PDB file of all heavy atoms in Angstrom:
ATOM      1  N   LYS A   1      21.291  -1.710  10.801  1.00  0.00           N
ATOM      2  CA  LYS A   1      21.086  -0.319  11.181  1.00  0.00           C
ATOM      3  C   LYS A   1      19.758   0.111  10.591  1.00  0.00           C
ATOM      4  O   LYS A   1      19.441  -0.167   9.442  1.00  0.00           O
ATOM      5  CB  LYS A   1      22.219   0.530  10.643  1.00  0.00           C
ATOM      6  CG  LYS A   1      22.227   1.919  11.162  1.00  0.00           C
ATOM      7  CD  LYS A   1      23.604   2.274  11.689  1.00  0.00           C
ATOM      8  CE  LYS A   1      23.674   3.701  12.159  1.00  0.00           C
ATOM      9  NZ  LYS A   1      23.252   3.847  13.524  1.00  0.00           N
ATOM     10  N   ASP A   2      18.956   0.806  11.380  1.00  0.00           N
ATOM     11  CA  ASP A   2      17.631   1.216  10.945  1.00  0.00           C
ATOM     12  C   ASP A   2      17.702   2.218   9.797  1.00  0.00           C
ATOM     13  O   ASP A   2      18.578   3.096   9.788  1.00  0.00           O
ATOM     14  CB  ASP A   2      16.847   1.834  12.116  1.00  0.00           C
ATOM     15  CG  ASP A   2      15.402   2.095  11.750  1.00  0.00           C
ATOM     16  OD1 ASP A   2      14.821   1.294  10.974  1.00  0.00           O
ATOM     17  OD2 ASP A   2      14.833   3.080  12.233  1.00  0.00           O
ATOM     18  N   SER A   3      16.819   2.040   8.827  1.00  0.00           N
ATOM     19  CA  SER A   3      16.698   2.979   7.727  1.00  0.00           C
ATOM     20  C   SER A   3      15.275   2.893   7.163  1.00  0.00           C
ATOM     21  O   SER A   3      14.545   1.908   7.411  1.00  0.00           O
ATOM     22  CB  SER A   3      17.722   2.718   6.620  1.00  0.00           C
ATOM     23  OG  SER A   3      17.497   1.460   6.021  1.00  0.00           O
ATOM     24  N   VAL A   4      14.883   3.898   6.403  1.00  0.00           N
ATOM     25  CA  VAL A   4      13.554   3.931   5.840  1.00  0.00           C
ATOM     26  C   VAL A   4      13.381   2.845   4.814  1.00  0.00           C
ATOM     27  O   VAL A   4      14.258   2.628   3.958  1.00  0.00           O
ATOM     28  CB  VAL A   4      13.308   5.323   5.180  1.00  0.00           C
ATOM     29  CG1 VAL A   4      11.979   5.342   4.439  1.00  0.00           C
ATOM     30  CG2 VAL A   4      13.369   6.417   6.236  1.00  0.00           C
ATOM     31  N   GLY A   5      12.285   2.110   4.876  1.00  0.00           N
ATOM     32  CA  GLY A   5      11.895   1.174   3.841  1.00  0.00           C
ATOM     33  C   GLY A   5      12.331  -0.265   3.991  1.00  0.00           C
ATOM     34  O   GLY A   5      12.062  -1.072   3.098  1.00  0.00           O
ATOM     35  N   ILE A   6      12.947  -0.633   5.093  1.00  0.00           N
ATOM     36  CA  ILE A   6      13.408  -2.009   5.270  1.00  0.00           C
ATOM     37  C   ILE A   6      12.232  -2.973   5.187  1.00  0.00           C
ATOM     38  O   ILE A   6      12.240  -3.949   4.427  1.00  0.00           O
ATOM     39  CB  ILE A   6      14.163  -2.226   6.599  1.00  0.00           C
ATOM     40  CG1 ILE A   6      15.455  -1.416   6.611  1.00  0.00           C
ATOM     41  CG2 ILE A   6      14.432  -3.706   6.849  1.00  0.00           C
ATOM     42  CD1 ILE A   6      16.198  -1.416   7.945  1.00  0.00           C
ATOM     43  N   ILE A   7      11.193  -2.723   5.968  1.00  0.00           N
ATOM     44  CA  ILE A   7      10.035  -3.644   5.983  1.00  0.00           C
ATOM     45  C   ILE A   7       9.385  -3.670   4.614  1.00  0.00           C
ATOM     46  O   ILE A   7       9.063  -4.761   4.103  1.00  0.00           O
ATOM     47  CB  ILE A   7       9.025  -3.229   7.072  1.00  0.00           C
ATOM     48  CG1 ILE A   7       9.631  -3.339   8.440  1.00  0.00           C
ATOM     49  CG2 ILE A   7       7.752  -4.069   6.971  1.00  0.00           C
ATOM     50  CD1 ILE A   7       8.783  -2.759   9.567  1.00  0.00           C
ATOM     51  N   ALA A   8       9.225  -2.540   3.994  1.00  0.00           N
ATOM     52  CA  ALA A   8       8.577  -2.480   2.669  1.00  0.00           C
ATOM     53  C   ALA A   8       9.372  -3.307   1.645  1.00  0.00           C
ATOM     54  O   ALA A   8       8.783  -4.050   0.857  1.00  0.00           O
ATOM     55  CB  ALA A   8       8.465  -1.032   2.204  1.00  0.00           C
ATOM     56  N   LYS A   9      10.693  -3.181   1.631  1.00  0.00           N
ATOM     57  CA  LYS A   9      11.501  -3.896   0.660  1.00  0.00           C
ATOM     58  C   LYS A   9      11.480  -5.404   0.900  1.00  0.00           C
ATOM     59  O   LYS A   9      11.388  -6.196  -0.042  1.00  0.00           O
ATOM     60  CB  LYS A   9      12.939  -3.359   0.679  1.00  0.00           C
ATOM     61  CG  LYS A   9      13.023  -1.969   0.115  1.00  0.00           C
ATOM     62  CD  LYS A   9      14.406  -1.368   0.286  1.00  0.00           C
ATOM     63  CE  LYS A   9      14.386   0.071  -0.209  1.00  0.00           C
ATOM     64  NZ  LYS A   9      15.623   0.769   0.158  1.00  0.00           N
ATOM     65  N   VAL A  10      11.532  -5.807   2.158  1.00  0.00           N
ATOM     66  CA  VAL A  10      11.499  -7.241   2.456  1.00  0.00           C
ATOM     67  C   VAL A  10      10.122  -7.807   2.085  1.00  0.00           C
ATOM     68  O   VAL A  10      10.026  -8.842   1.435  1.00  0.00           O
ATOM     69  CB  VAL A  10      11.822  -7.502   3.963  1.00  0.00           C
ATOM     70  CG1 VAL A  10      11.597  -8.966   4.309  1.00  0.00           C
ATOM     71  CG2 VAL A  10      13.279  -7.111   4.244  1.00  0.00           C
ATOM     72  N   CYS A  11       9.039  -7.135   2.468  1.00  0.00           N
ATOM     73  CA  CYS A  11       7.702  -7.626   2.188  1.00  0.00           C
ATOM     74  C   CYS A  11       7.430  -7.656   0.674  1.00  0.00           C
ATOM     75  O   CYS A  11       6.798  -8.589   0.180  1.00  0.00           O
ATOM     76  CB  CYS A  11       6.648  -6.760   2.905  1.00  0.00           C
ATOM     77  SG  CYS A  11       6.701  -6.994   4.697  1.00  0.00           S
ATOM     78  N   THR A  12       7.890  -6.651  -0.053  1.00  0.00           N
ATOM     79  CA  THR A  12       7.729  -6.618  -1.505  1.00  0.00           C
ATOM     80  C   THR A  12       8.462  -7.801  -2.149  1.00  0.00           C
ATOM     81  O   THR A  12       7.938  -8.496  -3.014  1.00  0.00           O
ATOM     82  CB  THR A  12       8.243  -5.301  -2.087  1.00  0.00           C
ATOM     83  OG1 THR A  12       7.470  -4.226  -1.546  1.00  0.00           O
ATOM     84  CG2 THR A  12       8.144  -5.292  -3.602  1.00  0.00           C
ATOM     85  N   TYR A  13       9.674  -8.050  -1.699  1.00  0.00           N
ATOM     86  CA  TYR A  13      10.440  -9.182  -2.224  1.00  0.00           C
ATOM     87  C   TYR A  13       9.719 -10.493  -2.007  1.00  0.00           C
ATOM     88  O   TYR A  13       9.596 -11.321  -2.910  1.00  0.00           O
ATOM     89  CB  TYR A  13      11.838  -9.243  -1.572  1.00  0.00           C
ATOM     90  CG  TYR A  13      12.658 -10.416  -2.006  1.00  0.00           C
ATOM     91  CD1 TYR A  13      13.373 -10.396  -3.175  1.00  0.00           C
ATOM     92  CD2 TYR A  13      12.657 -11.596  -1.260  1.00  0.00           C
ATOM     93  CE1 TYR A  13      14.111 -11.487  -3.590  1.00  0.00           C
ATOM     94  CE2 TYR A  13      13.371 -12.697  -1.675  1.00  0.00           C
ATOM     95  CZ  TYR A  13      14.101 -12.658  -2.825  1.00  0.00           C
ATOM     96  OH  TYR A  13      14.803 -13.746  -3.242  1.00  0.00           O
ATOM     97  N   LEU A  14       9.219 -10.696  -0.776  1.00  0.00           N
ATOM     98  CA  LEU A  14       8.520 -11.944  -0.458  1.00  0.00           C
ATOM     99  C   LEU A  14       7.251 -12.087  -1.299  1.00  0.00           C
ATOM    100  O   LEU A  14       6.952 -13.174  -1.794  1.00  0.00           O
ATOM    101  CB  LEU A  14       8.200 -12.016   1.022  1.00  0.00           C
ATOM    102  CG  LEU A  14       9.400 -12.063   1.970  1.00  0.00           C
ATOM    103  CD1 LEU A  14       8.965 -12.001   3.414  1.00  0.00           C
ATOM    104  CD2 LEU A  14      10.260 -13.296   1.693  1.00  0.00           C
ATOM    105  N   ALA A  15       6.521 -11.018  -1.479  1.00  0.00           N
ATOM    106  CA  ALA A  15       5.278 -11.063  -2.279  1.00  0.00           C
ATOM    107  C   ALA A  15       5.609 -11.442  -3.736  1.00  0.00           C
ATOM    108  O   ALA A  15       4.897 -12.226  -4.359  1.00  0.00           O
ATOM    109  CB  ALA A  15       4.551  -9.730  -2.236  1.00  0.00           C
ATOM    110  N   GLU A  16       6.686 -10.888  -4.281  1.00  0.00           N
ATOM    111  CA  GLU A  16       7.086 -11.215  -5.647  1.00  0.00           C
ATOM    112  C   GLU A  16       7.447 -12.681  -5.792  1.00  0.00           C
ATOM    113  O   GLU A  16       7.303 -13.247  -6.878  1.00  0.00           O
ATOM    114  CB  GLU A  16       8.275 -10.340  -6.047  1.00  0.00           C
ATOM    115  CG  GLU A  16       7.937  -8.887  -6.257  1.00  0.00           C
ATOM    116  CD  GLU A  16       9.165  -7.991  -6.428  1.00  0.00           C
ATOM    117  OE1 GLU A  16      10.308  -8.480  -6.253  1.00  0.00           O
ATOM    118  OE2 GLU A  16       8.985  -6.802  -6.723  1.00  0.00           O
ATOM    119  N   LYS A  17       7.903 -13.311  -4.735  1.00  0.00           N
ATOM    120  CA  LYS A  17       8.280 -14.718  -4.760  1.00  0.00           C
ATOM    121  C   LYS A  17       7.126 -15.642  -4.317  1.00  0.00           C
ATOM    122  O   LYS A  17       7.310 -16.837  -4.179  1.00  0.00           O
ATOM    123  CB  LYS A  17       9.492 -14.973  -3.843  1.00  0.00           C
ATOM    124  CG  LYS A  17      10.694 -14.139  -4.210  1.00  0.00           C
ATOM    125  CD  LYS A  17      11.146 -14.407  -5.625  1.00  0.00           C
ATOM    126  CE  LYS A  17      12.376 -13.573  -5.940  1.00  0.00           C
ATOM    127  NZ  LYS A  17      12.685 -13.553  -7.356  1.00  0.00           N
ATOM    128  N   ASN A  18       5.944 -15.075  -4.090  1.00  0.00           N
ATOM    129  CA  ASN A  18       4.776 -15.829  -3.672  1.00  0.00           C
ATOM    130  C   ASN A  18       4.965 -16.493  -2.301  1.00  0.00           C
ATOM    131  O   ASN A  18       4.529 -17.624  -2.064  1.00  0.00           O
ATOM    132  CB  ASN A  18       4.381 -16.851  -4.755  1.00  0.00           C
ATOM    133  CG  ASN A  18       2.926 -17.184  -4.714  1.00  0.00           C
ATOM    134  OD1 ASN A  18       2.097 -16.397  -4.200  1.00  0.00           O
ATOM    135  ND2 ASN A  18       2.539 -18.330  -5.257  1.00  0.00           N
ATOM    136  N   ILE A  19       5.679 -15.791  -1.422  1.00  0.00           N
ATOM    137  CA  ILE A  19       5.917 -16.260  -0.078  1.00  0.00           C
ATOM    138  C   ILE A  19       4.998 -15.461   0.872  1.00  0.00           C
ATOM    139  O   ILE A  19       5.087 -14.221   0.895  1.00  0.00           O
ATOM    140  CB  ILE A  19       7.399 -16.097   0.323  1.00  0.00           C
ATOM    141  CG1 ILE A  19       8.272 -16.964  -0.564  1.00  0.00           C
ATOM    142  CG2 ILE A  19       7.600 -16.424   1.809  1.00  0.00           C
ATOM    143  CD1 ILE A  19       9.760 -16.748  -0.398  1.00  0.00           C
ATOM    144  N   ASN A  20       4.131 -16.124   1.582  1.00  0.00           N
ATOM    145  CA  ASN A  20       3.154 -15.479   2.437  1.00  0.00           C
ATOM    146  C   ASN A  20       3.687 -15.279   3.845  1.00  0.00           C
ATOM    147  O   ASN A  20       4.248 -16.194   4.462  1.00  0.00           O
ATOM    148  CB  ASN A  20       1.876 -16.326   2.482  1.00  0.00           C
ATOM    149  CG  ASN A  20       0.759 -15.607   3.184  1.00  0.00           C
ATOM    150  OD1 ASN A  20       0.588 -14.412   3.032  1.00  0.00           O
ATOM    151  ND2 ASN A  20      -0.013 -16.355   3.965  1.00  0.00           N
ATOM    152  N   ILE A  21       3.511 -14.075   4.381  1.00  0.00           N
ATOM    153  CA  ILE A  21       3.909 -13.772   5.728  1.00  0.00           C
ATOM    154  C   ILE A  21       2.778 -14.185   6.687  1.00  0.00           C
ATOM    155  O   ILE A  21       1.648 -13.740   6.542  1.00  0.00           O
ATOM    156  CB  ILE A  21       4.204 -12.254   5.903  1.00  0.00           C
ATOM    157  CG1 ILE A  21       5.344 -11.841   5.003  1.00  0.00           C
ATOM    158  CG2 ILE A  21       4.521 -11.934   7.372  1.00  0.00           C
ATOM    159  CD1 ILE A  21       5.501 -10.366   4.844  1.00  0.00           C
ATOM    160  N   LEU A  22       3.115 -15.070   7.632  1.00  0.00           N
ATOM    161  CA  LEU A  22       2.109 -15.553   8.593  1.00  0.00           C
ATOM    162  C   LEU A  22       2.158 -14.783   9.900  1.00  0.00           C
ATOM    163  O   LEU A  22       1.119 -14.564  10.538  1.00  0.00           O
ATOM    164  CB  LEU A  22       2.372 -17.045   8.884  1.00  0.00           C
ATOM    165  CG  LEU A  22       2.334 -17.956   7.655  1.00  0.00           C
ATOM    166  CD1 LEU A  22       2.788 -19.371   8.060  1.00  0.00           C
ATOM    167  CD2 LEU A  22       0.971 -17.983   7.033  1.00  0.00           C
ATOM    168  N   ASP A  23       3.342 -14.353  10.309  1.00  0.00           N
ATOM    169  CA  ASP A  23       3.497 -13.603  11.547  1.00  0.00           C
ATOM    170  C   ASP A  23       4.755 -12.751  11.412  1.00  0.00           C
ATOM    171  O   ASP A  23       5.714 -13.131  10.743  1.00  0.00           O
ATOM    172  CB  ASP A  23       3.640 -14.574  12.719  1.00  0.00           C
ATOM    173  CG  ASP A  23       3.354 -13.911  14.071  1.00  0.00           C
ATOM    174  OD1 ASP A  23       3.075 -12.700  14.110  1.00  0.00           O
ATOM    175  OD2 ASP A  23       3.402 -14.636  15.081  1.00  0.00           O
ATOM    176  N   ILE A  24       4.719 -11.580  12.052  1.00  0.00           N
ATOM    177  CA  ILE A  24       5.881 -10.683  11.958  1.00  0.00           C
ATOM    178  C   ILE A  24       5.993  -9.901  13.270  1.00  0.00           C
ATOM    179  O   ILE A  24       5.018  -9.523  13.899  1.00  0.00           O
ATOM    180  CB  ILE A  24       5.689  -9.705  10.774  1.00  0.00           C
ATOM    181  CG1 ILE A  24       6.881  -8.796  10.596  1.00  0.00           C
ATOM    182  CG2 ILE A  24       4.417  -8.912  10.914  1.00  0.00           C
ATOM    183  CD1 ILE A  24       6.825  -7.985   9.288  1.00  0.00           C
ATOM    184  N   SER A  25       7.265  -9.726  13.680  1.00  0.00           N
ATOM    185  CA  SER A  25       7.555  -8.936  14.877  1.00  0.00           C
ATOM    186  C   SER A  25       8.795  -8.115  14.548  1.00  0.00           C
ATOM    187  O   SER A  25       9.767  -8.620  13.988  1.00  0.00           O
ATOM    188  CB  SER A  25       7.840  -9.858  16.060  1.00  0.00           C
ATOM    189  OG  SER A  25       8.280  -9.118  17.153  1.00  0.00           O
ATOM    190  N   GLN A  26       8.762  -6.818  14.888  1.00  0.00           N
ATOM    191  CA  GLN A  26       9.930  -5.992  14.629  1.00  0.00           C
ATOM    192  C   GLN A  26      10.087  -4.975  15.750  1.00  0.00           C
ATOM    193  O   GLN A  26       9.144  -4.631  16.427  1.00  0.00           O
ATOM    194  CB  GLN A  26       9.838  -5.307  13.293  1.00  0.00           C
ATOM    195  CG  GLN A  26       8.714  -4.280  13.132  1.00  0.00           C
ATOM    196  CD  GLN A  26       9.153  -2.874  13.539  1.00  0.00           C
ATOM    197  OE1 GLN A  26      10.315  -2.500  13.449  1.00  0.00           O
ATOM    198  NE2 GLN A  26       8.208  -2.089  14.008  1.00  0.00           N
ATOM    199  N   THR A  27      11.360  -4.606  15.961  1.00  0.00           N
ATOM    200  CA  THR A  27      11.660  -3.621  16.996  1.00  0.00           C
ATOM    201  C   THR A  27      12.889  -2.843  16.544  1.00  0.00           C
ATOM    202  O   THR A  27      13.695  -3.297  15.758  1.00  0.00           O
ATOM    203  CB  THR A  27      11.887  -4.289  18.369  1.00  0.00           C
ATOM    204  OG1 THR A  27      12.001  -3.290  19.366  1.00  0.00           O
ATOM    205  CG2 THR A  27      13.092  -5.151  18.373  1.00  0.00           C
ATOM    206  N   ILE A  28      13.019  -1.657  17.120  1.00  0.00           N
ATOM    207  CA  ILE A  28      14.205  -0.827  16.893  1.00  0.00           C
ATOM    208  C   ILE A  28      14.749  -0.477  18.269  1.00  0.00           C
ATOM    209  O   ILE A  28      14.054   0.061  19.114  1.00  0.00           O
ATOM    210  CB  ILE A  28      13.858   0.449  16.119  1.00  0.00           C
ATOM    211  CG1 ILE A  28      13.260   0.078  14.749  1.00  0.00           C
ATOM    212  CG2 ILE A  28      15.080   1.342  15.962  1.00  0.00           C
ATOM    213  CD1 ILE A  28      12.614   1.214  14.018  1.00  0.00           C
ATOM    214  N   VAL A  29      16.006  -0.823  18.488  1.00  0.00           N
ATOM    215  CA  VAL A  29      16.659  -0.552  19.769  1.00  0.00           C
ATOM    216  C   VAL A  29      17.981   0.166  19.475  1.00  0.00           C
ATOM    217  O   VAL A  29      18.828  -0.371  18.761  1.00  0.00           O
ATOM    218  CB  VAL A  29      16.926  -1.873  20.524  1.00  0.00           C
ATOM    219  CG1 VAL A  29      17.684  -1.598  21.823  1.00  0.00           C
ATOM    220  CG2 VAL A  29      15.666  -2.622  20.790  1.00  0.00           C
ATOM    221  N   GLY A  30      18.079   1.383  20.007  1.00  0.00           N
ATOM    222  CA  GLY A  30      19.321   2.127  19.861  1.00  0.00           C
ATOM    223  C   GLY A  30      19.720   2.348  18.403  1.00  0.00           C
ATOM    224  O   GLY A  30      20.914   2.326  18.084  1.00  0.00           O
ATOM    225  N   GLY A  31      18.753   2.489  17.535  1.00  0.00           N
ATOM    226  CA  GLY A  31      19.045   2.723  16.100  1.00  0.00           C
ATOM    227  C   GLY A  31      19.272   1.477  15.299  1.00  0.00           C
ATOM    228  O   GLY A  31      19.570   1.528  14.110  1.00  0.00           O
ATOM    229  N   PHE A  32      19.147   0.301  15.940  1.00  0.00           N
ATOM    230  CA  PHE A  32      19.315  -0.963  15.227  1.00  0.00           C
ATOM    231  C   PHE A  32      17.956  -1.637  15.044  1.00  0.00           C
ATOM    232  O   PHE A  32      17.159  -1.732  15.978  1.00  0.00           O
ATOM    233  CB  PHE A  32      20.261  -1.888  15.967  1.00  0.00           C
ATOM    234  CG  PHE A  32      21.692  -1.395  15.869  1.00  0.00           C
ATOM    235  CD1 PHE A  32      22.209  -0.603  16.892  1.00  0.00           C
ATOM    236  CD2 PHE A  32      22.480  -1.679  14.786  1.00  0.00           C
ATOM    237  CE1 PHE A  32      23.501  -0.113  16.843  1.00  0.00           C
ATOM    238  CE2 PHE A  32      23.776  -1.191  14.700  1.00  0.00           C
ATOM    239  CZ  PHE A  32      24.274  -0.422  15.720  1.00  0.00           C
ATOM    240  N   PHE A  33      17.731  -2.126  13.841  1.00  0.00           N
ATOM    241  CA  PHE A  33      16.488  -2.738  13.436  1.00  0.00           C
ATOM    242  C   PHE A  33      16.591  -4.247  13.588  1.00  0.00           C
ATOM    243  O   PHE A  33      17.602  -4.852  13.215  1.00  0.00           O
ATOM    244  CB  PHE A  33      16.213  -2.391  11.959  1.00  0.00           C
ATOM    245  CG  PHE A  33      14.962  -3.006  11.410  1.00  0.00           C
ATOM    246  CD1 PHE A  33      13.731  -2.397  11.589  1.00  0.00           C
ATOM    247  CD2 PHE A  33      15.007  -4.182  10.685  1.00  0.00           C
ATOM    248  CE1 PHE A  33      12.577  -2.931  11.073  1.00  0.00           C
ATOM    249  CE2 PHE A  33      13.845  -4.749  10.167  1.00  0.00           C
ATOM    250  CZ  PHE A  33      12.640  -4.098  10.350  1.00  0.00           C
ATOM    251  N   ASN A  34      15.516  -4.873  14.134  1.00  0.00           N
ATOM    252  CA  ASN A  34      15.472  -6.306  14.278  1.00  0.00           C
ATOM    253  C   ASN A  34      14.070  -6.784  13.918  1.00  0.00           C
ATOM    254  O   ASN A  34      13.096  -6.290  14.484  1.00  0.00           O
ATOM    255  CB  ASN A  34      15.836  -6.717  15.703  1.00  0.00           C
ATOM    256  CG  ASN A  34      15.895  -8.208  15.901  1.00  0.00           C
ATOM    257  OD1 ASN A  34      16.093  -8.965  14.961  1.00  0.00           O
ATOM    258  ND2 ASN A  34      15.726  -8.644  17.123  1.00  0.00           N
ATOM    259  N   MET A  35      13.966  -7.730  12.992  1.00  0.00           N
ATOM    260  CA  MET A  35      12.654  -8.237  12.581  1.00  0.00           C
ATOM    261  C   MET A  35      12.745  -9.754  12.479  1.00  0.00           C
ATOM    262  O   MET A  35      13.747 -10.325  12.009  1.00  0.00           O
ATOM    263  CB  MET A  35      12.243  -7.640  11.245  1.00  0.00           C
ATOM    264  CG  MET A  35      10.893  -8.162  10.744  1.00  0.00           C
ATOM    265  SD  MET A  35      10.220  -7.197   9.345  1.00  0.00           S
ATOM    266  CE  MET A  35      11.448  -7.452   8.087  1.00  0.00           C
ATOM    267  N   MET A  36      11.676 -10.401  12.879  1.00  0.00           N
ATOM    268  CA  MET A  36      11.531 -11.856  12.761  1.00  0.00           C
ATOM    269  C   MET A  36      10.182 -12.129  12.116  1.00  0.00           C
ATOM    270  O   MET A  36       9.180 -11.543  12.497  1.00  0.00           O
ATOM    271  CB  MET A  36      11.607 -12.499  14.132  1.00  0.00           C
ATOM    272  CG  MET A  36      11.526 -14.009  14.105  1.00  0.00           C
ATOM    273  SD  MET A  36      11.785 -14.626  15.780  1.00  0.00           S
ATOM    274  CE  MET A  36      11.613 -16.352  15.480  1.00  0.00           C
ATOM    275  N   MET A  37      10.197 -12.998  11.124  1.00  0.00           N
ATOM    276  CA  MET A  37       8.981 -13.308  10.386  1.00  0.00           C
ATOM    277  C   MET A  37       8.817 -14.834  10.305  1.00  0.00           C
ATOM    278  O   MET A  37       9.815 -15.529  10.148  1.00  0.00           O
ATOM    279  CB  MET A  37       9.032 -12.767   8.951  1.00  0.00           C
ATOM    280  CG  MET A  37       9.394 -11.321   8.861  1.00  0.00           C
ATOM    281  SD  MET A  37       9.753 -10.845   7.152  1.00  0.00           S
ATOM    282  CE  MET A  37       8.149 -10.300   6.665  1.00  0.00           C
TER     283      MET A  37
END
C-alpha cells in the first residue's frame, strides 16, 4: 500500500549496506505501490 517515504527508506537501507542501485522503476496503481530495482 502506498505511503510516504517508501523509496527513501529502501534507498537509504541499500546505501548503508553499500549496495548500488543500477536501475529503478516504480509505479502507483489504485493506491498500491510497486517498485523494481
